[in-house]
Amino acid sequence: MTAAVFRGVLGEANVKARPTIMGGEDFSRYAQGGVPIFLYWLGTVEPKRVEEAEKDRTKGLPSMHSEFFAPVPEPSIRTGVLTMSRAVLDLAKK
């Protein structure tokens, strides 16, 4: 399972289950043709902003398609490359 790979790379506390959502990504269409797909959420917001949003649910965090979305480049890019690379390497050995 890819989540287990992520836990091994990032630590148990840094990998969290998310509830199922009705997303609008058309990326799932690949699966209709038999192509295996995988979508995961990569935290890219300053931890302080996440903490504030968790304390006050009315403050929510902007989605990645919002003009208010402001990812922190480091460590977001490094973490994304690391996790996706490890996921691909794990799947390639199967």
Protein backbone atom coordinates (compact mmCIF):
# COMPACT_ATOMS: atom_id res chain seq x y z
CA MET A 1 0.00 0.00 0.00
CA THR A 2 1.40 3.40 -0.96
CA ALA A 3 0.38 5.02 2.33
CA ALA A 4 2.73 2.60 4.11
CA VAL A 5 5.57 3.72 1.83
CA PHE A 6 4.78 7.34 2.71
CA ARG A 7 4.73 6.51 6.44
CA GLY A 8 8.15 4.91 6.09
CA VAL A 9 9.54 8.00 4.36
CA LEU A 10 7.78 10.77 6.29
CA GLY A 11 6.92 9.17 9.62
CA GLU A 12 3.59 7.95 10.94
CA ALA A 13 2.52 11.37 12.29
CA ASN A 14 2.98 13.03 8.91
CA VAL A 15 0.67 10.77 6.89
CA LYS A 16 -3.02 11.26 7.58
CA ALA A 17 -6.09 9.61 6.14
CA ARG A 18 -8.48 11.97 4.39
CA PRO A 19 -12.21 11.49 4.04
CA THR A 20 -13.52 10.55 0.62
CA ILE A 21 -14.61 13.59 -1.39
CA MET A 22 -16.44 14.18 -4.64
CA GLY A 23 -13.57 15.92 -6.37
CA GLY A 24 -13.80 17.55 -9.75
CA GLU A 25 -10.57 16.19 -11.18
CA ASP A 26 -11.02 14.54 -14.59
CA PHE A 27 -7.83 12.59 -13.98
CA SER A 28 -9.97 9.59 -12.91
CA ARG A 29 -10.91 9.04 -16.54
CA TYR A 30 -7.57 7.29 -17.06
CA ALA A 31 -8.82 4.46 -14.84
CA GLN A 32 -11.72 3.84 -17.21
CA GLY A 33 -9.17 2.71 -19.80
CA GLY A 34 -7.48 0.37 -17.34
CA VAL A 35 -4.59 2.66 -16.42
CA PRO A 36 -3.80 2.44 -12.69
CA ILE A 37 -4.15 5.84 -11.02
CA PHE A 38 -3.25 7.33 -7.66
CA LEU A 39 -4.09 10.75 -6.25
CA TYR A 40 -2.84 12.06 -2.94
CA TRP A 41 -2.88 15.37 -1.11
CA LEU A 42 0.46 16.96 -0.38
CA GLY A 43 0.51 19.50 2.43
CA THR A 44 1.96 22.73 1.04
CA VAL A 45 0.72 25.38 3.47
CA GLU A 46 2.70 26.86 6.36
CA PRO A 47 2.11 24.74 9.49
CA LYS A 48 1.03 27.88 11.38
CA ARG A 49 -1.81 28.48 8.90
CA VAL A 50 -2.91 24.85 9.15
CA GLU A 51 -2.92 25.09 12.95
CA GLU A 52 -5.03 28.28 12.82
CA ALA A 53 -7.51 26.67 10.43
CA GLU A 54 -7.82 23.61 12.68
CA LYS A 55 -8.57 25.85 15.69
CA ASP A 56 -11.13 27.94 13.82
CA ARG A 57 -12.93 25.91 11.14
CA THR A 58 -14.48 29.10 9.70
CA LYS A 59 -11.02 30.16 8.48
CA GLY A 60 -10.48 27.13 6.22
CA LEU A 61 -7.53 26.81 3.88
CA PRO A 62 -7.71 27.85 0.22
CA SER A 63 -7.89 25.07 -2.35
CA MET A 64 -5.13 24.74 -4.93
CA HIS A 65 -7.39 26.31 -7.56
CA SER A 66 -7.97 29.44 -5.46
CA GLU A 67 -6.22 32.73 -6.06
CA PHE A 68 -5.40 32.64 -2.33
CA PHE A 69 -3.48 29.36 -2.57
CA ALA A 70 0.12 30.13 -1.59
CA PRO A 71 2.21 26.98 -1.25
CA VAL A 72 5.53 27.07 0.54
CA PRO A 73 8.02 25.92 -2.13
CA GLU A 74 10.47 24.38 0.33
CA PRO A 75 9.79 21.74 1.64
CA SER A 76 6.69 21.18 -0.55
CA ILE A 77 8.55 20.43 -3.78
CA ARG A 78 11.17 18.28 -2.03
CA THR A 79 8.49 16.27 -0.20
CA GLY A 80 6.40 15.84 -3.35
CA VAL A 81 9.34 14.59 -5.42
CA LEU A 82 10.47 12.28 -2.62
CA THR A 83 7.06 10.73 -1.99
CA MET A 84 6.13 10.28 -5.64
CA SER A 85 9.54 8.82 -6.48
CA ARG A 86 9.30 6.33 -3.62
CA ALA A 87 5.75 5.40 -4.64
CA VAL A 88 6.84 4.72 -8.23
CA LEU A 89 9.87 2.70 -7.11
CA ASP A 90 7.67 0.65 -4.79
CA LEU A 91 5.12 -0.05 -7.54
CA ALA A 92 7.83 -0.84 -10.10
CA LYS A 93 9.17 -3.73 -8.03
CA LYS A 94 5.78 -5.49 -8.00
